[in-house]
Amino acid sequence: MKKKKIIRGIGVLILCLALLPVTAFAAEEGVEYTPPMYATFWALVPPVVAILLALITKEVYSSLFIGILVGGIFYSGLSFEGTLTHIFSDGFVAVLSDSYNVGILVFLVILGAMVGLMNRAGGSAAFGRYAKEKIKTRAGAQLATVALGVLIFIDDYFNCLTVGSVMKPVTDEHKVSRAKLAYLIDATAAPVCIIAPISSWAAAVSGFVEGEDGFSIFVRAIPYNFYAILTIIMMIAMILMKVDFGSMKVHEENALKGDLFSTGKWSEEKQDVIANPNGKVIDLLIPIIMLIVCCVIGMIYTGGFFEGAGFVEAFSNSDASVGLALGSICALVLTIIIYLLRKVLGFTDCMQCLPDGFKAMVPAILILTFAWTLKAMTDSLGAATFVAETVKRSAGGFMNFLPAIIFLVACFLAFSTGTSWGTFGILIPIVVNVFMDSNPQLMIISISACMAGAVCGDHCSPISDTTIMASAGAQCDHVSHVSTQLPYVIVAAVISFVTYIVAGFTQSAWISLPVGVVLLLAALFAIKNMNLEKASQ
């Protein structure tokens, strides 16, 4: 009760401040308005407020909105009119009219419809029955989830929603908690994409390395992407060692007793789907294969493949938003046609899956919209400029420690803003300028540290779109997903930080990466022994 009263008091105070018409928001005609707190530490306060409130209250919508409100107040200088104008015109309206964001929302809705089609056709149930025969253990179900996540390396959004829809029946059958499923999905999304040369992430990073061969640098940086590599090793090791810790341990213990959700929020909303009892595994494989093929074609189409560009070049120049939207629409149409020809579903049933798919994605769409708006508030306050200037000032005296420092800065920036791609765009050009002429090898390591830190911060941020989609893909309560995976991310991040210190001095992946792997396994063995000691007491 005290916690709730404190939170309400904070909310009332913020609203009162917003109502104070203290300063005029409008700048003089012809003069671009610069907020008083521009490019200062205060630019990072709105996302920090949102994240802390979400973790404290376990309620994400109001927490994000309060963070947005704080950003609007900071930008307008306590002007009521300026706050409202900035939040809605420059915030909600701007992000929902952005073509990239609209493409992602279209992709989300169509994925929801595809999942509905697979469920109603009986494909998901058939795959669950098939997997039950082939996968006999909880560890096998989790390893199969990791394997599928690694195989779908083209794009993190596509990964989250596809792996979730395919593996839910399998993990549910073996009593794996939805929080654990969400972690496995999230940890095989961005961490896999960032070390896959053919992916939308490789294209994004390559584009930020100006004046250099971006794709070549990306490939050379892969062995130094310690967070991504250690996260994948950590997942497999934890599954084989049967070790969990933090709040995830509670979720897994509850799942073994039959409660997959622990909070029950998603289970209450879950609706029974009337599935075709004669559905076959092929009724799940057809949509998935169609989706993969069509999305790959859509992405290389936007990159100019059919206009003469090479395959890798087309991926480097692709527009993931447009490509995924085009590919998913084509896959949806083809799936409906094939279902109709095979008489698996009637036309009316197929059409009913469209609104059902939209309803299933409403929570993810709402959180994404709030997260994008919060990012717009942060950008307008010059958070990127503040971080960039801080990194430049600290680049001089301790070059060998710089990869580890860049890793921490990228973690904090991506965690605060919820975007890894934005973090790439801010830090990679700075790294290139600092090291290009002095130490090319340290430049590669630092670029990789930037990518690893951005993925780390993005991986555990409640306002990250990938984290939101992992929750949606697993149908797990979003705050539960964030709070359960945070201890896992911290362990991998601390060991990655130490490994980057080693890499800064040795400048060799053959030395630093084995050090990181040994430290990670030692940490997991120590955690397992602590769990056994607690259980025996």
Protein backbone atom coordinates (compact mmCIF):
# COMPACT_ATOMS: atom_id res chain seq x y z
CA MET A 1 0.00 0.00 0.00
CA LYS A 2 2.83 2.42 0.86
CA LYS A 3 4.47 1.71 -2.49
CA LYS A 4 1.22 2.48 -4.33
CA LYS A 5 0.74 5.74 -2.41
CA ILE A 6 4.28 6.86 -3.24
CA ILE A 7 3.75 6.11 -6.93
CA ARG A 8 0.40 7.94 -6.98
CA GLY A 9 2.03 10.90 -5.27
CA ILE A 10 4.76 11.02 -7.92
CA GLY A 11 2.11 10.89 -10.65
CA VAL A 12 0.08 13.72 -9.09
CA LEU A 13 3.22 15.85 -8.66
CA ILE A 14 4.16 15.39 -12.31
CA LEU A 15 0.65 16.30 -13.44
CA CYS A 16 0.70 19.41 -11.27
CA LEU A 17 4.00 20.47 -12.79
CA ALA A 18 2.57 19.93 -16.24
CA LEU A 19 -0.34 22.24 -15.47
CA LEU A 20 1.94 25.12 -14.54
CA PRO A 21 1.97 27.55 -17.49
CA VAL A 22 5.36 28.86 -16.45
CA THR A 23 7.13 29.48 -19.72
CA ALA A 24 6.07 30.10 -23.25
CA PHE A 25 6.85 27.10 -25.44
CA ALA A 26 6.86 28.73 -28.83
CA ALA A 27 10.21 29.93 -30.06
CA GLU A 28 10.67 33.12 -31.93
CA GLU A 29 9.74 32.88 -35.56
CA GLY A 30 12.63 31.55 -37.64
CA VAL A 31 14.60 30.37 -34.56
CA GLU A 32 14.74 26.65 -33.87
CA TYR A 33 13.59 25.83 -30.34
CA THR A 34 16.19 24.19 -28.08
CA PRO A 35 14.91 22.88 -24.72
CA PRO A 36 16.74 24.06 -21.59
CA MET A 37 17.76 20.48 -20.70
CA TYR A 38 19.03 19.62 -24.20
CA ALA A 39 22.10 17.32 -24.29
CA THR A 40 22.36 17.11 -20.51
CA PHE A 41 22.07 14.19 -18.12
CA TRP A 42 18.39 15.12 -17.68
CA ALA A 43 17.74 13.89 -21.23
CA LEU A 44 18.11 10.33 -19.93
CA VAL A 45 15.73 10.80 -16.98
CA PRO A 46 12.38 10.10 -18.80
CA PRO A 47 13.28 6.53 -19.89
CA VAL A 48 14.88 5.82 -16.51
CA VAL A 49 11.66 6.94 -14.76
CA ALA A 50 9.57 4.72 -17.06
CA ILE A 51 11.79 1.69 -16.55
CA LEU A 52 11.95 2.03 -12.75
CA LEU A 53 8.19 2.51 -12.46
CA ALA A 54 7.56 -0.53 -14.68
CA LEU A 55 9.80 -2.72 -12.51
CA ILE A 56 8.27 -1.38 -9.26
CA THR A 57 4.57 -1.35 -10.21
CA LYS A 58 4.63 -4.32 -12.64
CA GLU A 59 2.36 -2.20 -14.85
CA VAL A 60 3.92 -1.14 -18.13
CA TYR A 61 1.34 1.14 -19.83
CA SER A 62 1.07 3.81 -17.12
CA SER A 63 4.83 3.63 -16.46
CA LEU A 64 5.65 4.34 -20.09
CA PHE A 65 3.11 7.15 -20.23
CA ILE A 66 4.55 8.82 -17.12
CA GLY A 67 8.02 8.60 -18.72
CA ILE A 68 6.60 10.23 -21.86
CA LEU A 69 4.97 12.93 -19.74
CA VAL A 70 8.25 13.69 -17.94
CA GLY A 71 9.98 14.00 -21.32
CA GLY A 72 7.30 16.39 -22.58
CA ILE A 73 7.56 18.53 -19.46
CA PHE A 74 11.37 18.70 -19.70
CA TYR A 75 11.18 19.63 -23.39
CA SER A 76 8.58 22.38 -22.99
CA GLY A 77 10.08 23.94 -19.88
CA LEU A 78 6.92 23.30 -17.79
CA SER A 79 4.53 24.77 -20.37
CA PHE A 80 1.12 23.03 -20.35
CA GLU A 81 0.39 23.77 -23.99
CA GLY A 82 3.94 22.92 -25.08
CA THR A 83 3.87 19.61 -23.18
CA LEU A 84 0.62 18.47 -24.79
CA THR A 85 1.70 19.59 -28.27
CA HIS A 86 5.05 17.87 -28.03
CA ILE A 87 3.68 14.60 -26.62
CA PHE A 88 0.91 14.18 -29.17
CA SER A 89 2.15 15.99 -32.30
CA ASP A 90 5.85 15.17 -32.05
CA GLY A 91 5.24 11.95 -30.14
CA PHE A 92 2.26 9.67 -30.74
CA VAL A 93 1.18 11.13 -34.09
CA ALA A 94 4.75 11.30 -35.43
CA VAL A 95 5.69 7.71 -34.53
CA LEU A 96 2.42 6.29 -35.85
CA SER A 97 2.82 8.15 -39.15
CA ASP A 98 6.43 7.01 -39.60
CA SER A 99 6.57 4.59 -42.54
CA TYR A 100 9.11 2.29 -40.87
CA ASN A 101 6.98 1.94 -37.73
CA VAL A 102 3.81 1.37 -39.75
CA GLY A 103 5.57 -1.42 -41.66
CA ILE A 104 6.49 -3.13 -38.38
CA LEU A 105 2.89 -2.83 -37.13
CA VAL A 106 1.60 -4.34 -40.39
CA PHE A 107 4.07 -7.19 -39.99
CA LEU A 108 2.93 -7.73 -36.39
CA VAL A 109 -0.76 -7.90 -37.31
CA ILE A 110 -0.15 -10.28 -40.22
CA LEU A 111 2.01 -12.53 -38.03
CA GLY A 112 -0.87 -12.62 -35.55
CA ALA A 113 -3.23 -13.64 -38.36
CA MET A 114 -0.76 -16.32 -39.54
CA VAL A 115 -0.54 -17.77 -36.04
CA GLY A 116 -4.35 -17.79 -35.89
CA LEU A 117 -4.50 -19.63 -39.23
CA MET A 118 -1.99 -22.25 -38.09
CA ASN A 119 -3.89 -22.81 -34.84
CA ARG A 120 -7.30 -23.03 -36.48
CA ALA A 121 -6.02 -25.36 -39.22
CA GLY A 122 -4.77 -27.71 -36.50
CA GLY A 123 -1.14 -27.36 -37.57
CA SER A 124 0.10 -26.16 -34.18
CA ALA A 125 -1.72 -28.97 -32.34
CA ALA A 126 -0.38 -31.55 -34.81
CA PHE A 127 3.15 -30.26 -34.37
CA GLY A 128 2.67 -30.44 -30.60
CA ARG A 129 1.64 -34.10 -30.89
CA TYR A 130 4.58 -34.83 -33.20
CA ALA A 131 7.05 -33.04 -30.94
CA LYS A 132 5.68 -34.90 -27.92
CA GLU A 133 6.73 -38.16 -29.56
CA LYS A 134 10.16 -36.90 -30.60
CA ILE A 135 11.08 -34.56 -27.71
CA LYS A 136 10.94 -36.46 -24.43
CA THR A 137 12.39 -33.99 -21.88
CA ARG A 138 12.15 -30.36 -20.73
CA ALA A 139 15.78 -29.88 -21.70
CA GLY A 140 15.02 -31.19 -25.19
CA ALA A 141 12.11 -28.75 -25.59
CA GLN A 142 14.32 -25.83 -24.56
CA LEU A 143 17.22 -26.90 -26.78
CA ALA A 144 14.81 -27.24 -29.73
CA THR A 145 13.65 -23.66 -29.06
CA VAL A 146 17.25 -22.42 -29.04
CA ALA A 147 18.04 -24.35 -32.23
CA LEU A 148 15.04 -22.88 -34.08
CA GLY A 149 15.95 -19.39 -32.84
CA VAL A 150 19.50 -19.78 -34.14
CA LEU A 151 18.22 -21.02 -37.52
CA ILE A 152 15.92 -18.00 -38.00
CA PHE A 153 18.71 -15.42 -38.07
CA ILE A 154 17.38 -13.10 -40.78
CA ASP A 155 15.57 -10.63 -38.52
CA ASP A 156 14.88 -10.35 -34.79
CA TYR A 157 11.19 -9.38 -35.13
CA PHE A 158 10.58 -12.33 -37.42
CA ASN A 159 12.53 -14.57 -35.04
CA CYS A 160 10.55 -13.58 -31.92
CA LEU A 161 7.09 -14.15 -33.33
CA THR A 162 7.86 -17.24 -35.42
CA VAL A 163 9.78 -19.15 -32.73
CA GLY A 164 7.11 -18.30 -30.17
CA SER A 165 4.20 -19.52 -32.29
CA VAL A 166 5.98 -22.76 -33.27
CA MET A 167 7.46 -23.74 -29.90
CA LYS A 168 4.65 -22.78 -27.47
CA PRO A 169 2.84 -26.14 -27.82
CA VAL A 170 6.11 -28.01 -27.23
CA THR A 171 7.30 -26.05 -24.20
CA ASP A 172 3.78 -26.04 -22.70
CA GLU A 173 3.65 -29.82 -22.99
CA HIS A 174 6.93 -30.14 -21.08
CA LYS A 175 5.94 -27.55 -18.44
CA VAL A 176 8.45 -24.88 -19.38
CA SER A 177 7.29 -21.52 -18.01
CA ARG A 178 6.26 -18.80 -20.45
CA ALA A 179 8.88 -16.53 -18.84
CA LYS A 180 11.61 -19.06 -19.72
CA LEU A 181 10.24 -19.40 -23.26
CA ALA A 182 10.26 -15.59 -23.62
CA TYR A 183 13.90 -15.50 -22.46
CA LEU A 184 14.96 -18.20 -24.91
CA ILE A 185 13.18 -16.37 -27.73
CA ASP A 186 14.69 -12.99 -26.79
CA ALA A 187 18.18 -14.41 -26.31
CA THR A 188 18.15 -16.04 -29.76
CA ALA A 189 16.79 -12.94 -31.53
CA ALA A 190 19.14 -9.95 -31.39
CA PRO A 191 22.19 -11.92 -30.08
CA VAL A 192 21.97 -14.29 -33.08
CA CYS A 193 21.16 -11.57 -35.66
CA ILE A 194 24.14 -9.46 -34.56
CA ILE A 195 26.61 -12.27 -35.40
CA ALA A 196 24.86 -13.39 -38.62
CA PRO A 197 26.48 -11.84 -41.73
CA ILE A 198 23.23 -12.19 -43.71
CA SER A 199 20.66 -10.37 -41.60
CA SER A 200 18.92 -7.03 -41.34
CA TRP A 201 21.25 -6.20 -38.41
CA ALA A 202 24.39 -6.75 -40.48
CA ALA A 203 22.92 -4.38 -43.05
CA ALA A 204 22.25 -1.73 -40.38
CA VAL A 205 25.72 -1.92 -38.83
CA SER A 206 27.44 -1.88 -42.23
CA GLY A 207 25.62 1.33 -43.10
CA PHE A 208 26.93 3.13 -39.99
CA VAL A 209 30.64 2.51 -40.78
CA GLU A 210 31.35 5.49 -43.03
CA GLY A 211 34.52 5.59 -45.13
CA GLU A 212 35.25 1.88 -44.56
CA ASP A 213 34.10 -1.47 -45.95
CA GLY A 214 31.24 -1.88 -43.47
CA PHE A 215 30.41 -5.50 -44.30
CA SER A 216 34.04 -6.61 -44.03
CA ILE A 217 34.37 -4.87 -40.65
CA PHE A 218 31.15 -6.52 -39.44
CA VAL A 219 32.49 -9.99 -40.32
CA ARG A 220 35.87 -9.29 -38.65
CA ALA A 221 34.07 -8.05 -35.52
CA ILE A 222 32.01 -11.25 -35.02
CA PRO A 223 34.62 -13.14 -32.87
CA TYR A 224 34.78 -10.11 -30.54
CA ASN A 225 31.01 -9.88 -30.03
CA PHE A 226 31.38 -11.42 -26.60
CA TYR A 227 27.91 -10.68 -25.21
CA ALA A 228 26.12 -12.38 -28.12
CA ILE A 229 28.41 -15.42 -28.12
CA LEU A 230 28.40 -15.80 -24.32
CA THR A 231 24.60 -15.45 -24.18
CA ILE A 232 24.15 -18.35 -26.62
CA ILE A 233 26.67 -20.47 -24.68
CA MET A 234 24.98 -19.51 -21.40
CA MET A 235 21.54 -20.63 -22.64
CA ILE A 236 22.80 -24.04 -23.70
CA ALA A 237 24.87 -24.50 -20.52
CA MET A 238 21.96 -23.57 -18.23
CA ILE A 239 19.65 -26.01 -20.02
CA LEU A 240 22.13 -28.89 -19.84
CA MET A 241 23.15 -28.10 -16.25
CA LYS A 242 19.49 -27.57 -15.24
CA VAL A 243 20.27 -24.35 -13.41
CA ASP A 244 17.99 -21.32 -13.00
CA PHE A 245 18.26 -18.38 -10.63
CA GLY A 246 16.53 -15.17 -9.63
CA SER A 247 12.80 -14.82 -10.20
CA MET A 248 13.06 -17.18 -13.20
CA LYS A 249 13.67 -20.02 -10.74
CA VAL A 250 10.30 -19.28 -9.12
CA HIS A 251 8.56 -19.25 -12.50
CA GLU A 252 10.13 -22.58 -13.45
CA GLU A 253 9.18 -24.17 -10.13
CA ASN A 254 5.59 -22.97 -10.59
CA ALA A 255 5.56 -24.32 -14.15
CA LEU A 256 6.51 -27.78 -12.90
CA LYS A 257 3.42 -27.61 -10.67
CA GLY A 258 1.24 -26.72 -13.67
CA ASP A 259 1.21 -22.88 -13.56
CA LEU A 260 3.03 -21.77 -16.71
CA PHE A 261 2.36 -18.05 -16.14
CA SER A 262 2.89 -17.46 -12.38
CA THR A 263 0.95 -14.17 -12.72
CA GLY A 264 -1.98 -15.70 -14.63
CA LYS A 265 -2.55 -12.55 -16.72
CA TRP A 266 -2.16 -14.17 -20.12
CA SER A 267 -3.92 -17.38 -19.09
CA GLU A 268 -7.03 -15.38 -18.18
CA GLU A 269 -7.06 -13.70 -21.59
CA LYS A 270 -6.38 -16.92 -23.47
CA GLN A 271 -9.29 -18.02 -25.63
CA ASP A 272 -10.03 -21.53 -26.84
CA VAL A 273 -9.48 -21.93 -30.57
CA ILE A 274 -11.69 -24.36 -32.47
CA ALA A 275 -8.97 -26.24 -34.34
CA ASN A 276 -9.34 -28.66 -37.20
CA PRO A 277 -8.94 -32.12 -35.58
CA ASN A 278 -7.53 -33.50 -38.85
CA GLY A 279 -4.73 -30.92 -39.01
CA LYS A 280 -1.26 -32.16 -39.92
CA VAL A 281 2.28 -30.97 -39.25
CA ILE A 282 2.47 -29.78 -42.85
CA ASP A 283 -0.28 -27.27 -42.02
CA LEU A 284 2.23 -25.56 -39.73
CA LEU A 285 5.27 -26.07 -41.95
CA ILE A 286 3.63 -24.55 -45.05
CA PRO A 287 2.98 -21.10 -43.47
CA ILE A 288 6.41 -21.04 -41.79
CA ILE A 289 8.25 -21.94 -45.01
CA MET A 290 6.12 -19.45 -46.98
CA LEU A 291 6.91 -16.78 -44.40
CA ILE A 292 10.66 -17.39 -44.47
CA VAL A 293 10.89 -17.52 -48.27
CA CYS A 294 8.61 -14.53 -48.86
CA CYS A 295 10.29 -12.35 -46.20
CA VAL A 296 13.76 -13.10 -47.60
CA ILE A 297 12.53 -12.24 -51.10
CA GLY A 298 10.83 -9.10 -49.74
CA MET A 299 14.02 -7.91 -48.05
CA ILE A 300 16.32 -8.50 -51.03
CA TYR A 301 13.67 -6.87 -53.26
CA THR A 302 13.89 -3.65 -51.24
CA GLY A 303 17.69 -3.88 -51.49
CA GLY A 304 17.63 -3.91 -55.30
CA PHE A 305 18.37 -7.61 -55.91
CA PHE A 306 16.04 -7.75 -58.90
CA GLU A 307 17.66 -4.62 -60.31
CA GLY A 308 21.12 -6.19 -60.53
CA ALA A 309 22.50 -5.96 -56.97
CA GLY A 310 24.22 -9.01 -55.48
CA PHE A 311 22.55 -11.06 -52.74
CA VAL A 312 24.77 -9.79 -49.92
CA GLU A 313 24.64 -6.23 -51.26
CA ALA A 314 20.84 -6.44 -51.49
CA PHE A 315 20.68 -7.48 -47.82
CA SER A 316 23.01 -4.62 -46.89
CA ASN A 317 20.72 -2.11 -48.64
CA SER A 318 17.42 -3.69 -47.60
CA ASP A 319 14.57 -1.97 -45.75
CA ALA A 320 13.54 -4.51 -43.11
CA SER A 321 10.21 -2.82 -42.39
CA VAL A 322 9.01 -2.77 -46.01
CA GLY A 323 10.54 -6.17 -46.82
CA LEU A 324 8.93 -7.94 -43.86
CA ALA A 325 5.56 -6.28 -44.50
CA LEU A 326 5.59 -7.25 -48.20
CA GLY A 327 6.82 -10.76 -47.47
CA SER A 328 4.30 -11.44 -44.72
CA ILE A 329 1.36 -10.20 -46.83
CA CYS A 330 2.40 -12.49 -49.71
CA ALA A 331 2.86 -15.41 -47.30
CA LEU A 332 -0.59 -14.80 -45.78
CA VAL A 333 -2.31 -14.80 -49.19
CA LEU A 334 -0.46 -17.93 -50.35
CA THR A 335 -1.24 -19.75 -47.08
CA ILE A 336 -4.95 -18.97 -47.37
CA ILE A 337 -4.98 -20.20 -50.99
CA ILE A 338 -3.18 -23.45 -50.06
CA TYR A 339 -5.50 -24.06 -47.08
CA LEU A 340 -8.53 -23.53 -49.33
CA LEU A 341 -7.18 -25.86 -52.03
CA ARG A 342 -6.41 -28.54 -49.42
CA LYS A 343 -9.84 -27.93 -47.81
CA VAL A 344 -8.21 -27.53 -44.41
CA LEU A 345 -10.20 -24.34 -43.65
CA GLY A 346 -13.15 -22.60 -45.24
CA PHE A 347 -12.93 -19.05 -46.57
CA THR A 348 -14.99 -17.66 -43.66
CA ASP A 349 -12.69 -19.31 -41.10
CA CYS A 350 -9.62 -17.87 -42.85
CA MET A 351 -11.11 -14.36 -42.82
CA GLN A 352 -12.01 -14.66 -39.13
CA CYS A 353 -8.31 -15.15 -38.35
CA LEU A 354 -7.55 -11.59 -39.53
CA PRO A 355 -9.37 -9.72 -36.71
CA ASP A 356 -8.37 -12.45 -34.25
CA GLY A 357 -4.74 -11.91 -35.17
CA PHE A 358 -5.08 -8.16 -34.66
CA LYS A 359 -6.65 -8.69 -31.22
CA ALA A 360 -3.81 -11.03 -30.20
CA MET A 361 -1.23 -8.35 -31.04
CA VAL A 362 -2.98 -5.38 -29.37
CA PRO A 363 -0.85 -5.56 -26.16
CA ALA A 364 2.38 -5.61 -28.21
CA ILE A 365 1.17 -2.78 -30.47
CA LEU A 366 0.23 -0.61 -27.47
CA ILE A 367 3.56 -1.13 -25.72
CA LEU A 368 5.48 -0.54 -28.96
CA THR A 369 3.60 2.71 -29.57
CA PHE A 370 4.37 3.96 -26.06
CA ALA A 371 8.02 2.85 -26.36
CA TRP A 372 8.47 4.62 -29.71
CA THR A 373 6.92 7.79 -28.30
CA LEU A 374 9.21 7.67 -25.25
CA LYS A 375 12.18 7.34 -27.60
CA ALA A 376 10.93 10.39 -29.53
CA MET A 377 10.86 12.35 -26.24
CA THR A 378 14.40 11.22 -25.41
CA ASP A 379 15.67 12.12 -28.88
CA SER A 380 14.14 15.59 -28.69
CA LEU A 381 16.05 16.19 -25.43
CA GLY A 382 19.39 15.39 -27.11
CA ALA A 383 20.25 12.17 -25.25
CA ALA A 384 22.29 10.98 -28.22
CA THR A 385 24.32 14.19 -28.34
CA PHE A 386 24.99 14.02 -24.59
CA VAL A 387 26.27 10.42 -24.77
CA ALA A 388 28.33 11.07 -27.92
CA GLU A 389 30.09 14.06 -26.35
CA THR A 390 30.75 12.10 -23.14
CA VAL A 391 32.38 9.25 -25.09
CA LYS A 392 34.53 11.67 -27.12
CA ARG A 393 35.80 13.38 -23.98
CA SER A 394 36.78 10.04 -22.40
CA ALA A 395 38.50 8.58 -25.47
CA GLY A 396 41.95 10.00 -24.91
CA GLY A 397 43.72 8.70 -21.83
CA PHE A 398 43.03 4.96 -21.61
CA MET A 399 42.80 3.41 -25.07
CA ASN A 400 43.15 -0.20 -23.89
CA PHE A 401 40.18 0.15 -21.54
CA LEU A 402 38.05 1.88 -24.16
CA PRO A 403 36.33 -1.28 -25.56
CA ALA A 404 35.06 -2.13 -22.06
CA ILE A 405 33.95 1.49 -21.48
CA ILE A 406 32.20 1.61 -24.87
CA PHE A 407 30.44 -1.65 -23.96
CA LEU A 408 29.08 -0.08 -20.75
CA VAL A 409 28.05 3.17 -22.47
CA ALA A 410 26.26 1.24 -25.24
CA CYS A 411 24.50 -0.93 -22.61
CA PHE A 412 23.22 2.11 -20.73
CA LEU A 413 22.17 4.00 -23.85
CA ALA A 414 20.32 1.04 -25.40
CA PHE A 415 18.69 0.19 -22.05
CA SER A 416 17.53 3.79 -21.59
CA THR A 417 16.29 4.37 -25.14
CA GLY A 418 15.17 0.83 -26.03
CA THR A 419 16.99 0.85 -29.37
CA SER A 420 20.16 -0.95 -30.35
CA TRP A 421 20.16 0.40 -33.92
CA GLY A 422 20.04 3.95 -32.60
CA THR A 423 22.98 3.13 -30.33
CA PHE A 424 24.94 1.83 -33.35
CA GLY A 425 24.25 5.07 -35.19
CA ILE A 426 25.52 7.20 -32.31
CA LEU A 427 28.63 5.32 -31.19
CA ILE A 428 30.06 3.50 -34.23
CA PRO A 429 30.98 6.70 -36.16
CA ILE A 430 32.74 8.00 -33.02
CA VAL A 431 34.71 4.74 -32.66
CA VAL A 432 35.74 4.83 -36.34
CA ASN A 433 37.00 8.43 -36.00
CA VAL A 434 38.97 7.68 -32.82
CA PHE A 435 40.76 4.52 -34.01
CA MET A 436 40.76 4.62 -37.83
CA ASP A 437 44.27 6.05 -38.19
CA SER A 438 45.82 4.97 -34.89
CA ASN A 439 44.88 1.32 -34.22
CA PRO A 440 42.63 -0.53 -36.76
CA GLN A 441 42.54 -3.72 -34.66
CA LEU A 442 41.34 -1.85 -31.56
CA MET A 443 38.75 -0.16 -33.81
CA ILE A 444 37.34 -3.60 -34.74
CA ILE A 445 37.20 -4.63 -31.07
CA SER A 446 35.56 -1.33 -30.06
CA ILE A 447 32.95 -1.54 -32.85
CA SER A 448 32.15 -5.05 -31.67
CA ALA A 449 31.94 -3.77 -28.07
CA CYS A 450 29.49 -1.14 -29.25
CA MET A 451 27.35 -3.77 -31.00
CA ALA A 452 27.52 -6.14 -28.01
CA GLY A 453 26.63 -3.40 -25.52
CA ALA A 454 23.73 -2.21 -27.67
CA VAL A 455 22.35 -5.74 -27.91
CA CYS A 456 22.82 -6.23 -24.14
CA GLY A 457 20.96 -3.04 -23.24
CA ASP A 458 18.28 -3.74 -25.83
CA HIS A 459 17.95 -7.32 -24.58
CA CYS A 460 16.90 -6.33 -21.06
CA SER A 461 15.17 -2.98 -21.64
CA PRO A 462 11.40 -2.97 -20.93
CA ILE A 463 10.91 -0.41 -23.72
CA SER A 464 12.84 -2.35 -26.38
CA ASP A 465 10.74 -3.44 -29.35
CA THR A 466 12.54 -6.81 -29.47
CA THR A 467 11.81 -7.42 -25.77
CA ILE A 468 8.17 -6.47 -26.35
CA MET A 469 7.89 -8.86 -29.30
CA ALA A 470 9.52 -11.69 -27.33
CA SER A 471 6.81 -11.24 -24.69
CA ALA A 472 4.16 -11.26 -27.42
CA GLY A 473 5.67 -14.31 -29.12
CA ALA A 474 5.67 -16.33 -25.89
CA GLN A 475 2.38 -14.78 -24.69
CA CYS A 476 4.11 -13.90 -21.45
CA ASP A 477 3.35 -10.92 -19.23
CA HIS A 478 5.81 -8.25 -20.37
CA VAL A 479 7.06 -7.12 -16.96
CA SER A 480 7.44 -10.75 -15.87
CA HIS A 481 9.61 -11.37 -18.93
CA VAL A 482 11.80 -8.33 -18.19
CA SER A 483 12.22 -9.06 -14.48
CA THR A 484 13.00 -12.76 -14.96
CA GLN A 485 15.61 -12.33 -17.68
CA LEU A 486 17.36 -9.32 -16.10
CA PRO A 487 19.58 -11.42 -13.73
CA TYR A 488 20.64 -13.60 -16.68
CA VAL A 489 21.55 -10.57 -18.76
CA ILE A 490 23.53 -9.06 -15.87
CA VAL A 491 25.64 -12.21 -15.47
CA ALA A 492 26.46 -12.32 -19.20
CA ALA A 493 27.10 -8.55 -19.24
CA VAL A 494 29.53 -8.56 -16.28
CA ILE A 495 31.56 -11.39 -17.80
CA SER A 496 31.51 -9.65 -21.21
CA PHE A 497 32.81 -6.45 -19.58
CA VAL A 498 35.75 -8.34 -18.04
CA THR A 499 36.40 -10.08 -21.37
CA TYR A 500 36.55 -6.71 -23.16
CA ILE A 501 39.19 -5.53 -20.67
CA VAL A 502 41.24 -8.62 -21.58
CA ALA A 503 40.63 -8.00 -25.31
CA GLY A 504 41.71 -4.37 -25.00
CA PHE A 505 45.17 -5.47 -23.87
CA THR A 506 45.65 -8.73 -25.79
CA GLN A 507 43.78 -7.59 -28.94
CA SER A 508 43.18 -11.26 -29.72
CA ALA A 509 39.87 -13.15 -29.80
CA TRP A 510 41.75 -16.45 -29.39
CA ILE A 511 42.83 -15.37 -25.90
CA SER A 512 39.95 -13.19 -24.66
CA LEU A 513 36.98 -15.34 -25.78
CA PRO A 514 38.18 -18.54 -24.01
CA VAL A 515 38.72 -16.44 -20.86
CA GLY A 516 35.10 -15.27 -21.08
CA VAL A 517 33.77 -18.80 -21.64
CA VAL A 518 35.71 -20.15 -18.63
CA LEU A 519 34.46 -17.30 -16.40
CA LEU A 520 30.86 -17.91 -17.56
CA LEU A 521 30.94 -21.64 -16.87
CA ALA A 522 32.58 -21.02 -13.49
CA ALA A 523 29.81 -18.54 -12.60
CA LEU A 524 27.09 -21.04 -13.59
CA PHE A 525 28.72 -23.82 -11.54
CA ALA A 526 28.91 -21.46 -8.55
CA ILE A 527 25.23 -20.51 -8.93
CA LYS A 528 24.22 -24.17 -9.20
CA ASN A 529 26.14 -25.02 -6.02
CA MET A 530 24.49 -22.11 -4.20
CA ASN A 531 21.07 -23.39 -5.29
CA LEU A 532 21.91 -26.89 -4.03
CA GLU A 533 23.09 -25.51 -0.67
CA LYS A 534 19.87 -23.50 -0.26
CA ALA A 535 17.77 -26.54 -1.16
CA SER A 536 19.56 -28.70 1.41
CA GLN A 537 19.05 -26.21 4.27
